[in-house]
Protein backbone atom coordinates (compact mmCIF):
# COMPACT_ATOMS: atom_id res chain seq x y z
CA MET A 1 11.58 8.39 8.31
CA THR A 2 10.17 12.18 8.39
CA SER A 3 6.89 13.61 6.79
CA PHE A 4 6.68 13.23 3.14
CA GLN A 5 8.33 16.34 1.31
CA THR A 6 6.08 16.20 -2.46
CA VAL A 7 7.68 18.75 -5.09
CA ALA A 8 4.93 21.29 -5.94
CA ARG A 9 4.64 21.40 -10.02
CA THR A 10 3.61 24.26 -11.47
CA GLU A 11 1.59 24.48 -14.81
CA GLU A 12 4.36 25.92 -16.56
CA GLU A 13 6.97 23.21 -14.90
CA SER A 14 4.94 20.52 -14.96
CA ILE A 15 5.34 21.57 -19.61
CA SER A 16 9.16 22.06 -19.00
CA LEU A 17 9.62 18.47 -17.53
CA ASP A 18 10.88 16.33 -20.14
CA THR A 19 8.19 13.22 -20.15
CA SER A 20 8.66 12.68 -24.12
CA ARG A 21 10.51 8.98 -22.72
CA LEU A 22 8.02 8.64 -19.92
CA ARG A 23 5.04 6.38 -20.48
CA LEU A 24 2.85 4.88 -17.76
CA PHE A 25 -0.29 2.06 -18.37
CA SER A 26 -2.81 0.90 -15.95
CA GLY A 27 -4.12 -2.38 -15.40
CA THR A 28 -7.33 -2.80 -14.64
CA SER A 29 -6.58 -3.29 -10.54
CA ASN A 30 -6.80 0.72 -9.58
CA PRO A 31 -6.99 2.62 -12.60
CA ALA A 32 -8.66 5.64 -11.07
CA LEU A 33 -5.19 6.06 -8.62
CA ALA A 34 -3.31 5.56 -12.30
CA LYS A 35 -4.92 8.72 -13.69
CA GLU A 36 -3.97 10.43 -10.24
CA ILE A 37 -0.35 9.54 -10.77
CA ALA A 38 -0.83 10.85 -14.20
CA ALA A 39 -2.12 13.91 -13.50
CA TYR A 40 0.54 14.61 -10.91
CA LEU A 41 2.78 14.16 -13.45
CA GLY A 42 1.25 16.21 -16.33
CA ILE A 43 0.74 13.39 -18.79
CA THR A 44 -2.09 10.83 -19.42
CA ASP A 45 -2.04 7.56 -18.79
CA GLY A 46 -1.13 5.30 -21.95
CA PRO A 47 -3.68 3.56 -24.13
CA LEU A 48 -4.37 -0.17 -23.19
CA VAL A 49 -6.40 -2.82 -24.26
CA CYS A 50 -7.15 -5.88 -21.64
CA LYS A 51 -9.59 -7.96 -22.43
CA ARG A 52 -10.67 -11.38 -21.97
CA PHE A 53 -11.23 -14.79 -24.41
CA ALA A 54 -14.23 -17.25 -23.59
CA ASP A 55 -11.97 -19.43 -22.03
CA GLY A 56 -11.20 -16.58 -19.42
CA GLU A 57 -7.62 -16.00 -21.01
CA LEU A 58 -6.05 -12.32 -20.82
CA TYR A 59 -5.41 -10.25 -23.42
CA VAL A 60 -3.34 -7.26 -23.38
CA GLN A 61 -2.07 -4.70 -26.10
CA ILE A 62 -0.10 -1.36 -25.64
CA GLN A 63 -1.66 0.88 -28.25
CA GLN A 64 1.35 3.19 -28.45
CA SER A 65 4.79 3.08 -29.14
CA ILE A 66 6.83 2.43 -25.93
CA ARG A 67 10.57 1.54 -27.98
CA GLY A 68 13.11 2.83 -25.67
CA CYS A 69 10.76 4.38 -23.06
CA ASP A 70 10.73 4.49 -19.68
CA VAL A 71 7.53 2.26 -19.11
CA PHE A 72 5.66 2.46 -15.38
CA LEU A 73 3.00 -0.43 -15.07
CA ILE A 74 0.39 0.52 -12.65
CA GLN A 75 -1.09 -2.56 -10.94
CA PRO A 76 -1.72 -3.45 -7.32
CA THR A 77 -1.83 -7.32 -7.23
CA CYS A 78 -5.06 -7.06 -5.22
CA ALA A 79 -7.97 -9.51 -4.99
CA PRO A 80 -8.78 -11.45 -7.22
CA VAL A 81 -5.30 -11.15 -6.73
CA ASN A 82 -4.54 -14.28 -9.10
CA ASP A 83 -5.88 -12.47 -12.15
CA ASN A 84 -4.33 -8.96 -11.52
CA LEU A 85 -0.73 -10.41 -10.68
CA MET A 86 -1.03 -12.86 -14.37
CA GLU A 87 -2.12 -9.58 -16.11
CA LEU A 88 0.66 -7.64 -14.64
CA MET A 89 3.10 -10.19 -15.66
CA ILE A 90 1.14 -10.13 -19.31
CA MET A 91 1.64 -6.16 -19.49
CA VAL A 92 5.40 -6.71 -18.75
CA ASP A 93 5.56 -9.78 -21.74
CA ALA A 94 4.08 -6.77 -24.21
CA CYS A 95 5.97 -3.91 -23.28
CA LYS A 96 9.13 -6.06 -22.95
CA ARG A 97 8.11 -6.93 -26.53
CA ALA A 98 7.54 -3.46 -27.59
CA SER A 99 11.17 -3.13 -26.94
CA ALA A 100 11.22 -0.68 -23.61
CA ARG A 101 13.80 0.62 -22.33
CA GLN A 102 13.14 -0.14 -18.45
CA ILE A 103 10.19 -1.21 -17.13
CA THR A 104 9.27 -0.78 -13.59
CA ALA A 105 6.04 -2.27 -11.87
CA VAL A 106 4.25 0.33 -9.69
CA ILE A 107 2.67 -2.13 -6.85
CA PRO A 108 1.16 0.11 -4.03
CA TYR A 109 -0.08 -3.52 -2.39
CA TYR A 110 1.69 -6.23 -2.88
CA GLY A 111 -0.66 -9.58 -2.77
CA TYR A 112 0.92 -12.63 -0.94
CA ALA A 113 2.94 -10.81 1.46
CA ARG A 114 1.66 -12.24 4.45
CA ALA A 115 3.43 -16.16 3.18
CA ASP A 116 6.74 -14.66 3.28
CA ARG A 117 8.55 -17.03 5.58
CA LYS A 118 7.94 -20.60 6.70
CA THR A 119 5.94 -21.19 9.71
CA ALA A 120 5.78 -25.20 9.40
CA GLY A 121 6.86 -27.95 7.51
CA ARG A 122 5.76 -28.17 3.82
CA GLU A 123 4.91 -24.37 3.26
CA SER A 124 5.41 -22.41 0.40
CA ILE A 125 7.09 -18.52 0.69
CA THR A 126 4.70 -17.44 -1.76
CA ALA A 127 5.90 -13.59 -1.35
CA LYS A 128 9.51 -15.20 -2.79
CA LEU A 129 7.60 -16.99 -5.11
CA THR A 130 5.97 -13.59 -6.68
CA ALA A 131 9.16 -11.55 -7.05
CA ASN A 132 10.67 -14.57 -9.21
CA LEU A 133 7.41 -14.58 -11.03
CA LEU A 134 8.25 -10.89 -11.73
CA VAL A 135 11.37 -11.11 -12.32
CA LYS A 136 11.08 -13.64 -14.95
CA SER A 137 8.60 -11.98 -16.73
CA GLY A 138 10.62 -9.23 -17.58
CA VAL A 139 10.35 -6.47 -15.20
CA ASP A 140 13.37 -4.22 -14.58
CA ARG A 141 12.90 -2.91 -11.48
CA VAL A 142 9.97 -2.61 -8.86
CA LEU A 143 7.94 0.09 -7.03
CA ALA A 144 5.96 -0.84 -3.87
CA MET A 145 4.86 0.52 -0.57
CA ASP A 146 4.61 -0.47 2.79
CA LEU A 147 5.22 -4.22 2.14
CA HIS A 148 3.81 -6.91 4.91
CA SER A 149 7.66 -7.13 5.59
CA ALA A 150 10.80 -5.39 4.80
CA GLN A 151 12.74 -8.44 4.17
CA ILE A 152 10.18 -9.08 1.15
CA GLN A 153 12.47 -6.08 -0.67
CA GLY A 154 15.19 -9.02 -0.70
CA TYR A 155 13.02 -11.06 -2.45
CA PHE A 156 13.60 -9.41 -5.63
CA ASP A 157 16.46 -9.66 -7.64
CA ILE A 158 16.00 -6.44 -9.47
CA PRO A 159 15.97 -3.10 -7.90
CA CYS A 160 13.10 -2.63 -5.88
CA ASP A 161 12.34 1.22 -4.02
CA HIS A 162 9.88 0.54 -0.84
CA ILE A 163 8.09 3.94 0.34
CA TYR A 164 5.76 4.26 2.99
CA GLY A 165 1.85 5.70 3.07
CA SER A 166 2.31 6.70 6.76
CA PRO A 167 3.65 9.95 6.45
CA VAL A 168 0.00 10.73 4.41
CA LEU A 169 -1.53 9.60 7.09
CA VAL A 170 0.55 11.56 9.52
CA SER A 171 -0.38 14.35 7.75
CA TYR A 172 -4.02 13.88 8.31
CA LEU A 173 -3.59 13.17 11.63
CA ALA A 174 -1.52 16.51 12.30
CA LYS A 175 -4.69 18.57 11.31
CA GLN A 176 -6.79 16.66 13.91
CA LYS A 177 -7.82 17.83 17.47
CA LEU A 178 -6.59 14.30 18.99
CA GLY A 179 -5.58 15.68 22.67
CA GLU A 180 -3.74 12.93 24.02
CA VAL A 181 -1.77 10.31 21.90
CA VAL A 182 -1.01 6.84 22.00
CA VAL A 183 0.39 5.01 19.26
CA VAL A 184 -0.62 1.12 19.15
CA SER A 185 0.90 -1.62 17.29
CA PRO A 186 -1.98 -4.52 17.21
CA ASP A 187 0.95 -7.33 17.90
CA VAL A 188 4.66 -7.87 18.56
CA GLY A 189 5.24 -8.37 14.69
CA GLY A 190 4.18 -4.62 14.31
CA VAL A 191 6.32 -2.87 16.91
CA ALA A 192 8.81 -1.32 14.33
CA ARG A 193 6.36 -0.19 11.84
CA ALA A 194 4.27 1.46 15.07
CA ARG A 195 7.55 3.33 16.45
CA ALA A 196 8.13 4.74 13.24
CA PHE A 197 4.63 6.06 13.27
CA ALA A 198 5.15 7.38 16.65
CA LYS A 199 8.62 8.90 15.88
CA GLN A 200 6.79 10.76 13.28
CA MET A 201 4.16 11.53 15.56
CA LYS A 202 6.43 13.71 17.59
CA ASP A 203 7.49 11.06 19.38
CA ALA A 204 4.28 9.61 21.05
CA PRO A 205 4.61 6.97 23.59
CA LEU A 206 4.14 3.41 22.43
CA ALA A 207 1.87 0.96 23.45
CA ILE A 208 1.71 -2.91 22.17
CA ILE A 209 -0.90 -5.52 22.37
CA ASP A 210 0.01 -8.85 23.21
CA LYS A 211 -1.71 -11.55 20.77
CA ARG A 212 -1.96 -14.84 20.22
CA ARG A 213 -3.43 -16.36 16.99
CA SER A 214 -4.87 -19.56 16.47
CA ALA A 215 -5.50 -19.81 13.00
CA HIS A 216 -5.08 -17.89 9.88
CA ASN A 217 -7.23 -14.77 10.28
CA VAL A 218 -8.21 -15.48 13.20
CA SER A 219 -6.22 -13.67 16.53
CA GLN A 220 -7.21 -13.35 20.30
CA SER A 221 -5.65 -10.25 21.91
CA LEU A 222 -4.98 -10.78 25.63
CA THR A 223 -3.18 -7.88 27.15
CA VAL A 224 -1.94 -4.07 26.40
CA ILE A 225 1.76 -3.35 27.18
CA GLY A 226 1.55 0.53 27.87
CA ASP A 227 -0.29 3.25 29.62
CA VAL A 228 -3.36 3.97 26.85
CA LYS A 229 -6.02 5.20 29.64
CA ASP A 230 -7.81 8.70 28.76
CA LYS A 231 -5.68 8.98 25.71
CA THR A 232 -6.46 9.15 22.48
CA ALA A 233 -4.93 5.12 21.23
CA ILE A 234 -3.80 5.11 17.50
CA LEU A 235 -3.71 1.39 16.05
CA ILE A 236 -1.50 1.53 13.07
CA ASP A 237 -1.26 -1.68 10.60
CA ASP A 238 -0.32 -1.80 7.48
CA MET A 239 -3.56 -3.70 6.25
CA ILE A 240 -7.01 -4.04 7.43
CA ASP A 241 -8.18 -7.76 5.99
CA THR A 242 -11.42 -9.34 8.13
CA GLY A 243 -11.18 -7.02 10.59
CA GLY A 244 -10.29 -9.23 13.26
CA THR A 245 -7.00 -8.39 14.34
CA ILE A 246 -7.76 -4.66 14.86
CA CYS A 247 -11.04 -5.30 15.86
CA ALA A 248 -10.04 -7.33 18.71
CA GLY A 249 -7.25 -4.47 19.55
CA ALA A 250 -9.99 -1.84 19.82
CA GLU A 251 -12.07 -3.41 22.35
CA LEU A 252 -9.63 -4.14 24.27
CA LEU A 253 -8.27 -0.06 24.51
CA ARG A 254 -11.90 0.19 25.30
CA LYS A 255 -11.86 -1.74 28.06
CA GLU A 256 -7.95 -0.38 29.50
CA GLY A 257 -9.81 3.14 29.13
CA ALA A 258 -8.52 4.59 26.13
CA GLN A 259 -10.58 7.37 25.29
CA ARG A 260 -10.88 7.55 21.47
CA VAL A 261 -9.92 4.31 19.35
CA ILE A 262 -8.62 5.63 15.71
CA ALA A 263 -7.68 2.76 13.06
CA CYS A 264 -4.94 2.86 10.53
CA ALA A 265 -3.53 1.35 7.69
CA SER A 266 -2.63 1.75 4.59
CA HIS A 267 -3.97 -1.48 2.69
CA ALA A 268 -8.00 -1.65 2.84
CA VAL A 269 -8.28 -5.10 2.08
CA PHE A 270 -11.34 -5.52 4.06
CA SER A 271 -12.43 -9.29 3.05
CA PRO A 272 -15.55 -10.35 4.82
CA PRO A 273 -16.29 -9.93 7.15
CA ALA A 274 -14.35 -6.35 7.96
CA PHE A 275 -17.51 -4.27 6.96
CA GLU A 276 -19.38 -5.89 9.73
CA ARG A 277 -16.74 -5.79 12.44
CA LEU A 278 -15.18 -2.15 11.88
CA THR A 279 -19.15 -0.53 11.68
CA LEU A 280 -21.13 -2.86 14.18
CA LYS A 281 -19.68 -1.63 17.30
CA GLY A 282 -18.90 1.36 17.11
CA LEU A 283 -15.32 1.19 18.61
CA PHE A 284 -13.52 3.52 16.34
CA GLU A 285 -13.69 7.29 15.69
CA GLN A 286 -12.00 6.81 12.30
CA VAL A 287 -10.64 4.52 10.10
CA ILE A 288 -8.10 5.87 8.00
CA VAL A 289 -6.69 3.90 4.83
CA THR A 290 -5.39 4.95 1.64
CA ASN A 291 -6.53 4.27 -2.06
CA SER A 292 -3.50 1.77 -2.87
CA ILE A 293 -6.52 -0.65 -3.08
CA PRO A 294 -9.43 0.37 -4.53
CA ILE A 295 -12.66 0.06 -2.16
CA LYS A 296 -16.37 -1.07 -3.49
CA ASP A 297 -19.00 1.33 -2.91
CA LYS A 298 -20.53 -1.29 -0.29
CA ASP A 299 -17.53 -1.04 1.83
CA TYR A 300 -18.22 2.40 2.52
CA PHE A 301 -18.86 3.49 6.48
CA SER A 302 -19.51 6.91 7.87
CA GLN A 303 -16.24 6.33 9.69
CA LEU A 304 -13.77 5.53 6.89
CA LYS A 305 -11.48 8.57 5.31
CA ILE A 306 -9.53 7.54 2.50
CA LEU A 307 -6.41 9.52 1.85
CA SER A 308 -4.70 10.03 -2.02
CA VAL A 309 -1.18 8.63 -2.12
CA ALA A 310 -1.30 9.77 -5.60
CA ASN A 311 1.06 12.29 -5.84
CA MET A 312 3.85 10.45 -3.50
CA LEU A 313 4.16 7.47 -6.34
CA GLY A 314 4.11 9.91 -9.04
CA GLU A 315 7.01 11.59 -7.52
CA ALA A 316 9.17 8.47 -6.86
CA ILE A 317 8.21 7.51 -10.67
CA TRP A 318 9.14 11.01 -11.71
CA ARG A 319 12.28 10.62 -9.28
CA ILE A 320 13.01 7.11 -10.72
CA HIS A 321 12.63 8.41 -14.70
CA GLU A 322 15.11 11.29 -13.90
CA GLU A 323 17.53 8.94 -11.75
CA SER A 324 17.95 10.69 -8.60
CA SER A 325 16.71 10.02 -4.74
CA ILE A 326 13.81 8.68 -3.53
CA SER A 327 15.02 8.39 0.10
CA SER A 328 15.55 12.23 0.07
CA MET A 329 11.64 12.56 -0.35
CA PHE A 330 10.83 12.00 3.16
CA ARG A 331 13.48 14.00 4.85
């Protein structure tokens, strides 16, 4: 991957684009991101009613004609994941019954992604189950960003376009005065992601934290493989959930002599006690995330920097609609 190249659109160009058969609708999980995407495309997100009955059941109604249209549904399946996933499937069903030509689920954050394989007996592979549910609901195509593991793309029996938030992160970091940089993977499983990120950071050196995990959301960092002394260490991961992995890694990097530590992740899940861990010890100079998931006001802190991926998702949506290359965006 190289840096993301978006196509700048003037007002005149936006007017000339044929959006007559393009429809964009937002679920309730991240409407702010949907509005940014719509603004990039020069359209408005379509009218949709989503409400609950007294017993908690969801009701969805599309409030404009979508017959014969390319419909894009923006809905990260973040917390509450079950509600947001069910809402997405009901939206898909409503569009299917309204004779949409093609329905694309735009999922900036794909919930249940960590259960992507069996690590013990009698476990479910929920990432595959979720893909099956979406396909059965009537989705024709999926656009996802930074899946927890690349193999999830193959869980869908329909086309699945997988894009990356790293170019947005790299573009921001390139404007900072960082000095000598080392890109750090917080565990062995993230080495491929960190290596790709380091390549984008002008072939920065790579370090790896050797980690042992004793239980879910519990980790213990043991040692750093690589030289981080007197360098700016950039810890890169796909998500920050409770913050245990990234904070334990930062503590170790500080002990090993890293001058500065910057955390980067596409998805700010921020489950408790992430806020306390990320802010209590002042481990990080910056924590850089994207707006794939809405961040609650109570989870904001001074080191937090939120970058928008709306333009990148908007460009990918336009290229799907136009049946042109998405991979060429990253050349």
